[in-house]
């Protein structure tokens, strides 16, 4: 006959502050990051991280009165020193912001990301 273990006591339901959620989202979706690694390190399920991102995108779309497809969650990084590497060769759109700052968009960038980026630069 099999064995059954019955767990008793209060359910574990954590309450996350907005600042913690945003910090976890920034870590999870930073360039080169792995959502599963952040999930394990922060002891939060990967599905919850994706739910938080979806809810954040929905809130941003409602605030900006944009359709959901036009809102993209991304972290922008401005580099002080410009390096010439493989990414420079794949950039098909380069926007000079002045003071040596550039925004480069590759040919492989999805259309909604390009649209959101260019709208943000207006």
N, C-alpha and C. Protein backbone atom coordinates (compact mmCIF):
# COMPACT_ATOMS: atom_id res chain seq x y z
N UNK A 1 0.83 -1.18 0.00
CA UNK A 1 0.00 0.00 0.00
C UNK A 1 0.88 1.25 0.00
N UNK A 2 0.44 2.31 -0.70
CA UNK A 2 1.21 3.54 -0.81
C UNK A 2 1.14 4.41 0.43
N UNK A 3 1.96 5.40 0.47
CA UNK A 3 2.01 6.30 1.60
C UNK A 3 1.56 7.68 1.15
N UNK A 4 0.78 8.36 1.99
CA UNK A 4 0.30 9.71 1.69
C UNK A 4 0.78 10.64 2.80
N UNK A 5 1.32 11.78 2.43
CA UNK A 5 1.76 12.78 3.39
C UNK A 5 0.78 13.94 3.33
N UNK A 6 0.24 14.32 4.47
CA UNK A 6 -0.71 15.43 4.54
C UNK A 6 0.00 16.60 5.19
N UNK A 7 0.08 17.71 4.47
CA UNK A 7 0.72 18.92 4.99
C UNK A 7 -0.37 19.80 5.59
N UNK A 8 -0.16 20.27 6.79
CA UNK A 8 -1.13 21.15 7.43
C UNK A 8 -0.47 22.47 7.76
N UNK A 9 -1.28 23.44 8.06
CA UNK A 9 -0.76 24.75 8.41
C UNK A 9 -1.17 25.78 7.38
N UNK A 10 -0.79 27.02 7.61
CA UNK A 10 -1.19 28.08 6.68
C UNK A 10 -0.48 27.95 5.34
N UNK A 11 -1.18 28.32 4.28
CA UNK A 11 -0.56 28.29 2.96
C UNK A 11 0.47 29.40 2.87
N UNK A 12 1.49 29.15 2.10
CA UNK A 12 2.53 30.16 1.92
C UNK A 12 2.14 31.05 0.75
N UNK A 13 1.78 32.25 1.06
CA UNK A 13 1.48 33.22 0.00
C UNK A 13 2.23 34.49 0.34
N UNK A 14 3.23 34.79 -0.47
CA UNK A 14 4.06 35.95 -0.20
C UNK A 14 3.45 37.19 -0.80
N UNK A 15 3.71 38.29 -0.19
CA UNK A 15 3.28 39.59 -0.69
C UNK A 15 4.51 40.32 -1.20
N UNK A 16 4.48 40.70 -2.47
CA UNK A 16 5.62 41.38 -3.08
C UNK A 16 5.29 42.86 -3.22
N UNK A 17 6.20 43.71 -2.76
CA UNK A 17 6.03 45.15 -2.95
C UNK A 17 6.30 45.48 -4.42
N UNK A 18 5.72 46.57 -4.90
CA UNK A 18 5.90 46.97 -6.29
C UNK A 18 7.37 47.15 -6.64
N UNK A 19 8.16 47.71 -5.70
CA UNK A 19 9.58 47.94 -5.95
C UNK A 19 10.30 46.61 -6.16
N UNK A 20 9.94 45.60 -5.35
CA UNK A 20 10.56 44.28 -5.49
C UNK A 20 10.20 43.65 -6.83
N UNK A 21 8.93 43.77 -7.23
CA UNK A 21 8.50 43.22 -8.51
C UNK A 21 9.27 43.84 -9.66
N UNK A 22 9.38 45.17 -9.66
CA UNK A 22 10.08 45.85 -10.74
C UNK A 22 11.56 45.47 -10.77
N UNK A 23 12.15 45.31 -9.59
CA UNK A 23 13.57 44.92 -9.53
C UNK A 23 13.75 43.51 -10.08
N UNK A 24 12.86 42.60 -9.73
CA UNK A 24 12.94 41.23 -10.24
C UNK A 24 12.73 41.21 -11.75
N UNK A 25 11.77 42.00 -12.24
CA UNK A 25 11.53 42.07 -13.68
C UNK A 25 12.76 42.62 -14.41
N UNK A 26 13.38 43.65 -13.85
CA UNK A 26 14.57 44.23 -14.48
C UNK A 26 15.70 43.20 -14.53
N UNK A 27 15.86 42.43 -13.46
CA UNK A 27 16.89 41.39 -13.45
C UNK A 27 16.58 40.29 -14.46
N UNK A 28 15.32 39.85 -14.48
CA UNK A 28 14.94 38.71 -15.31
C UNK A 28 15.02 39.02 -16.80
N UNK A 29 14.74 40.26 -17.19
CA UNK A 29 14.70 40.59 -18.61
C UNK A 29 15.84 41.51 -19.03
N UNK A 30 16.89 41.57 -18.22
CA UNK A 30 18.09 42.32 -18.59
C UNK A 30 18.79 41.56 -19.72
N UNK A 31 19.55 42.26 -20.56
CA UNK A 31 20.26 41.57 -21.64
C UNK A 31 21.15 40.46 -21.09
N UNK A 32 21.01 39.27 -21.66
CA UNK A 32 21.82 38.14 -21.26
C UNK A 32 21.33 37.39 -20.03
N UNK A 33 20.25 37.86 -19.41
CA UNK A 33 19.74 37.21 -18.20
C UNK A 33 18.87 36.01 -18.56
N UNK A 34 18.73 35.11 -17.62
CA UNK A 34 17.88 33.93 -17.79
C UNK A 34 16.79 34.00 -16.72
N UNK A 35 15.54 34.00 -17.16
CA UNK A 35 14.40 34.12 -16.24
C UNK A 35 14.43 32.99 -15.21
N UNK A 36 14.76 31.79 -15.63
CA UNK A 36 14.79 30.66 -14.71
C UNK A 36 15.84 30.85 -13.61
N UNK A 37 17.00 31.40 -13.98
CA UNK A 37 18.04 31.65 -12.97
C UNK A 37 17.58 32.68 -11.95
N UNK A 38 16.98 33.77 -12.43
CA UNK A 38 16.48 34.81 -11.53
C UNK A 38 15.37 34.22 -10.65
N UNK A 39 14.54 33.40 -11.24
CA UNK A 39 13.45 32.76 -10.52
C UNK A 39 13.97 31.93 -9.34
N UNK A 40 14.97 31.12 -9.60
CA UNK A 40 15.55 30.30 -8.53
C UNK A 40 16.23 31.16 -7.46
N UNK A 41 16.99 32.15 -7.91
CA UNK A 41 17.73 32.99 -6.98
C UNK A 41 16.79 33.79 -6.07
N UNK A 42 15.67 34.27 -6.62
CA UNK A 42 14.73 35.09 -5.86
C UNK A 42 13.59 34.29 -5.23
N UNK A 43 13.58 32.98 -5.47
CA UNK A 43 12.56 32.08 -4.92
C UNK A 43 11.14 32.53 -5.31
N UNK A 44 10.96 32.70 -6.62
CA UNK A 44 9.65 33.06 -7.17
C UNK A 44 9.47 32.23 -8.45
N UNK A 45 8.26 31.81 -8.73
CA UNK A 45 8.06 30.96 -9.90
C UNK A 45 8.22 31.76 -11.20
N UNK A 46 8.69 31.08 -12.22
CA UNK A 46 8.86 31.74 -13.52
C UNK A 46 7.52 32.22 -14.06
N UNK A 47 6.46 31.45 -13.83
CA UNK A 47 5.15 31.87 -14.34
C UNK A 47 4.70 33.16 -13.69
N UNK A 48 5.04 33.37 -12.43
CA UNK A 48 4.66 34.61 -11.76
C UNK A 48 5.43 35.80 -12.34
N UNK A 49 6.70 35.58 -12.68
CA UNK A 49 7.49 36.66 -13.30
C UNK A 49 6.86 37.06 -14.62
N UNK A 50 6.46 36.09 -15.44
CA UNK A 50 5.82 36.41 -16.72
C UNK A 50 4.45 37.06 -16.51
N UNK A 51 3.73 36.66 -15.47
CA UNK A 51 2.45 37.30 -15.16
C UNK A 51 2.66 38.76 -14.77
N UNK A 52 3.68 39.02 -13.95
CA UNK A 52 3.99 40.40 -13.57
C UNK A 52 4.31 41.24 -14.80
N UNK A 53 5.10 40.67 -15.72
CA UNK A 53 5.46 41.42 -16.94
C UNK A 53 4.23 41.71 -17.78
N UNK A 54 3.36 40.71 -17.95
CA UNK A 54 2.14 40.90 -18.73
C UNK A 54 1.24 41.98 -18.09
N UNK A 55 1.11 41.94 -16.76
CA UNK A 55 0.30 42.95 -16.06
C UNK A 55 0.91 44.34 -16.19
N UNK A 56 2.23 44.43 -16.10
CA UNK A 56 2.90 45.72 -16.25
C UNK A 56 2.68 46.28 -17.65
N UNK A 57 2.81 45.43 -18.66
CA UNK A 57 2.58 45.88 -20.04
C UNK A 57 1.14 46.34 -20.22
N UNK A 58 0.20 45.63 -19.62
CA UNK A 58 -1.20 46.01 -19.72
C UNK A 58 -1.44 47.38 -19.06
N UNK A 59 -0.85 47.59 -17.87
CA UNK A 59 -0.98 48.88 -17.18
C UNK A 59 -0.38 50.01 -18.01
N UNK A 60 0.80 49.76 -18.60
CA UNK A 60 1.43 50.78 -19.43
C UNK A 60 0.59 51.11 -20.64
N UNK A 61 -0.03 50.10 -21.23
CA UNK A 61 -0.88 50.32 -22.41
C UNK A 61 -2.10 51.14 -22.03
N UNK A 62 -2.69 50.86 -20.87
CA UNK A 62 -3.86 51.61 -20.43
C UNK A 62 -3.51 53.06 -20.13
N UNK A 63 -2.37 53.28 -19.48
CA UNK A 63 -1.94 54.65 -19.16
C UNK A 63 -1.65 55.46 -20.41
N UNK A 64 -1.05 54.82 -21.40
CA UNK A 64 -0.67 55.53 -22.62
C UNK A 64 -1.78 55.49 -23.67
N UNK A 65 -2.87 54.80 -23.37
CA UNK A 65 -3.99 54.64 -24.30
C UNK A 65 -3.51 54.07 -25.63
N UNK A 66 -2.65 53.05 -25.55
CA UNK A 66 -2.12 52.38 -26.73
C UNK A 66 -2.66 50.97 -26.81
N UNK A 67 -2.75 50.42 -28.01
CA UNK A 67 -3.06 49.00 -28.10
C UNK A 67 -1.92 48.18 -27.50
N UNK A 68 -2.22 47.02 -26.98
CA UNK A 68 -1.25 46.18 -26.28
C UNK A 68 -0.01 45.89 -27.13
N UNK A 69 -0.15 45.76 -28.43
CA UNK A 69 0.98 45.42 -29.29
C UNK A 69 2.02 46.53 -29.35
N UNK A 70 1.64 47.77 -29.03
CA UNK A 70 2.57 48.88 -29.13
C UNK A 70 3.40 49.08 -27.87
N UNK A 71 3.13 48.33 -26.80
CA UNK A 71 3.85 48.50 -25.55
C UNK A 71 4.88 47.39 -25.42
N UNK A 72 6.12 47.77 -25.18
CA UNK A 72 7.20 46.79 -25.05
C UNK A 72 7.94 47.05 -23.76
N UNK A 73 8.14 46.00 -22.97
CA UNK A 73 8.92 46.11 -21.75
C UNK A 73 10.37 45.89 -22.11
N UNK A 74 11.18 46.94 -21.98
CA UNK A 74 12.59 46.81 -22.31
C UNK A 74 13.38 47.75 -21.42
N UNK A 75 14.60 47.40 -21.17
CA UNK A 75 15.47 48.26 -20.40
C UNK A 75 16.45 48.91 -21.36
N UNK A 76 16.51 50.22 -21.33
CA UNK A 76 17.42 50.94 -22.22
C UNK A 76 18.74 51.17 -21.51
N UNK A 77 19.82 50.99 -22.23
CA UNK A 77 21.14 51.19 -21.69
C UNK A 77 21.87 52.16 -22.60
N UNK A 78 22.38 53.26 -22.04
CA UNK A 78 23.16 54.22 -22.81
C UNK A 78 24.62 54.05 -22.41
N UNK A 79 25.45 53.81 -23.37
CA UNK A 79 26.87 53.62 -23.10
C UNK A 79 27.61 54.93 -23.35
N UNK A 80 28.51 55.27 -22.44
CA UNK A 80 29.30 56.50 -22.59
C UNK A 80 30.35 56.31 -23.68
N UNK A 81 31.01 55.15 -23.69
CA UNK A 81 32.03 54.88 -24.70
C UNK A 81 31.42 54.02 -25.79
N UNK A 82 31.64 54.40 -27.00
CA UNK A 82 31.10 53.63 -28.12
C UNK A 82 32.16 52.63 -28.58
N UNK A 83 31.77 51.38 -28.71
CA UNK A 83 32.68 50.34 -29.16
C UNK A 83 32.22 49.86 -30.53
N UNK A 84 33.15 49.56 -31.38
CA UNK A 84 32.82 49.01 -32.68
C UNK A 84 32.94 47.50 -32.56
N UNK A 85 31.83 46.81 -32.75
CA UNK A 85 31.84 45.35 -32.67
C UNK A 85 30.84 44.79 -33.66
N UNK A 86 30.50 43.51 -33.52
CA UNK A 86 29.58 42.87 -34.44
C UNK A 86 28.21 43.53 -34.45
N UNK A 87 27.76 44.07 -33.32
CA UNK A 87 26.44 44.70 -33.26
C UNK A 87 26.36 45.95 -34.13
N UNK A 88 27.48 46.68 -34.25
CA UNK A 88 27.48 47.88 -35.09
C UNK A 88 27.22 47.53 -36.54
N UNK A 89 27.73 46.39 -36.97
CA UNK A 89 27.56 46.01 -38.37
C UNK A 89 26.13 45.57 -38.68
N UNK A 90 25.39 45.06 -37.68
CA UNK A 90 24.03 44.61 -37.94
C UNK A 90 23.00 45.72 -37.73
N UNK A 91 23.41 46.88 -37.26
CA UNK A 91 22.47 47.98 -37.06
C UNK A 91 22.07 48.58 -38.40
N UNK A 92 20.77 48.69 -38.63
CA UNK A 92 20.30 49.28 -39.87
C UNK A 92 19.72 50.67 -39.62
N UNK A 93 19.38 50.96 -38.36
CA UNK A 93 18.91 52.30 -37.99
C UNK A 93 19.80 52.79 -36.87
N UNK A 94 20.38 53.96 -37.04
CA UNK A 94 21.18 54.59 -36.00
C UNK A 94 20.65 55.98 -35.77
N UNK A 95 20.28 56.27 -34.52
CA UNK A 95 19.77 57.58 -34.15
C UNK A 95 20.79 58.22 -33.24
N UNK A 96 21.31 59.39 -33.64
CA UNK A 96 22.28 60.11 -32.83
C UNK A 96 21.53 61.04 -31.89
N UNK A 97 21.76 60.86 -30.57
CA UNK A 97 21.07 61.66 -29.57
C UNK A 97 21.88 62.88 -29.15
N UNK A 98 23.09 62.99 -29.63
CA UNK A 98 23.96 64.09 -29.22
C UNK A 98 24.88 63.66 -28.10
N UNK A 99 25.94 64.41 -27.90
CA UNK A 99 26.94 64.13 -26.86
C UNK A 99 27.48 62.70 -26.97
N UNK A 100 27.58 62.19 -28.19
CA UNK A 100 28.16 60.87 -28.41
C UNK A 100 27.25 59.70 -28.09
N UNK A 101 25.98 59.96 -27.80
CA UNK A 101 25.05 58.88 -27.47
C UNK A 101 24.31 58.45 -28.73
N UNK A 102 24.19 57.13 -28.91
CA UNK A 102 23.54 56.57 -30.09
C UNK A 102 22.52 55.52 -29.69
N UNK A 103 21.48 55.39 -30.49
CA UNK A 103 20.54 54.28 -30.37
C UNK A 103 20.63 53.53 -31.68
N UNK A 104 20.94 52.22 -31.58
CA UNK A 104 21.07 51.40 -32.78
C UNK A 104 20.00 50.32 -32.76
N UNK A 105 19.36 50.13 -33.90
CA UNK A 105 18.32 49.11 -34.04
C UNK A 105 18.75 48.15 -35.13
N UNK A 106 18.76 46.86 -34.81
CA UNK A 106 19.23 45.87 -35.78
C UNK A 106 18.11 45.48 -36.74
N UNK A 107 18.50 44.83 -37.80
CA UNK A 107 17.54 44.37 -38.80
C UNK A 107 16.67 43.27 -38.24
N UNK A 108 17.13 42.57 -37.21
CA UNK A 108 16.36 41.47 -36.63
C UNK A 108 15.39 41.92 -35.54
N UNK A 109 15.36 43.21 -35.21
CA UNK A 109 14.46 43.70 -34.16
C UNK A 109 13.01 43.55 -34.60
N UNK A 110 12.14 43.07 -33.70
CA UNK A 110 10.73 42.93 -34.07
C UNK A 110 10.08 44.29 -34.30
N UNK A 111 9.14 44.35 -35.22
CA UNK A 111 8.49 45.60 -35.59
C UNK A 111 7.89 46.35 -34.40
N UNK A 112 7.19 45.67 -33.46
CA UNK A 112 6.64 46.42 -32.32
C UNK A 112 7.70 47.10 -31.48
N UNK A 113 8.88 46.46 -31.35
CA UNK A 113 9.97 47.07 -30.59
C UNK A 113 10.50 48.30 -31.30
N UNK A 114 10.66 48.22 -32.62
CA UNK A 114 11.14 49.37 -33.39
C UNK A 114 10.15 50.53 -33.28
N UNK A 115 8.86 50.24 -33.41
CA UNK A 115 7.83 51.27 -33.32
C UNK A 115 7.84 51.93 -31.95
N UNK A 116 7.88 51.11 -30.89
CA UNK A 116 7.91 51.65 -29.53
C UNK A 116 9.14 52.49 -29.28
N UNK A 117 10.30 52.05 -29.78
CA UNK A 117 11.54 52.79 -29.60
C UNK A 117 11.49 54.15 -30.29
N UNK A 118 11.04 54.15 -31.54
CA UNK A 118 10.98 55.41 -32.28
C UNK A 118 9.94 56.35 -31.70
N UNK A 119 8.82 55.82 -31.21
CA UNK A 119 7.81 56.67 -30.55
C UNK A 119 8.39 57.29 -29.28
N UNK A 120 9.18 56.51 -28.53
CA UNK A 120 9.77 57.01 -27.29
C UNK A 120 10.79 58.11 -27.55
N UNK A 121 11.42 58.10 -28.73
CA UNK A 121 12.44 59.11 -29.06
C UNK A 121 11.84 60.42 -29.54
N UNK A 122 10.55 60.43 -29.84
CA UNK A 122 9.93 61.68 -30.33
C UNK A 122 10.04 62.81 -29.38
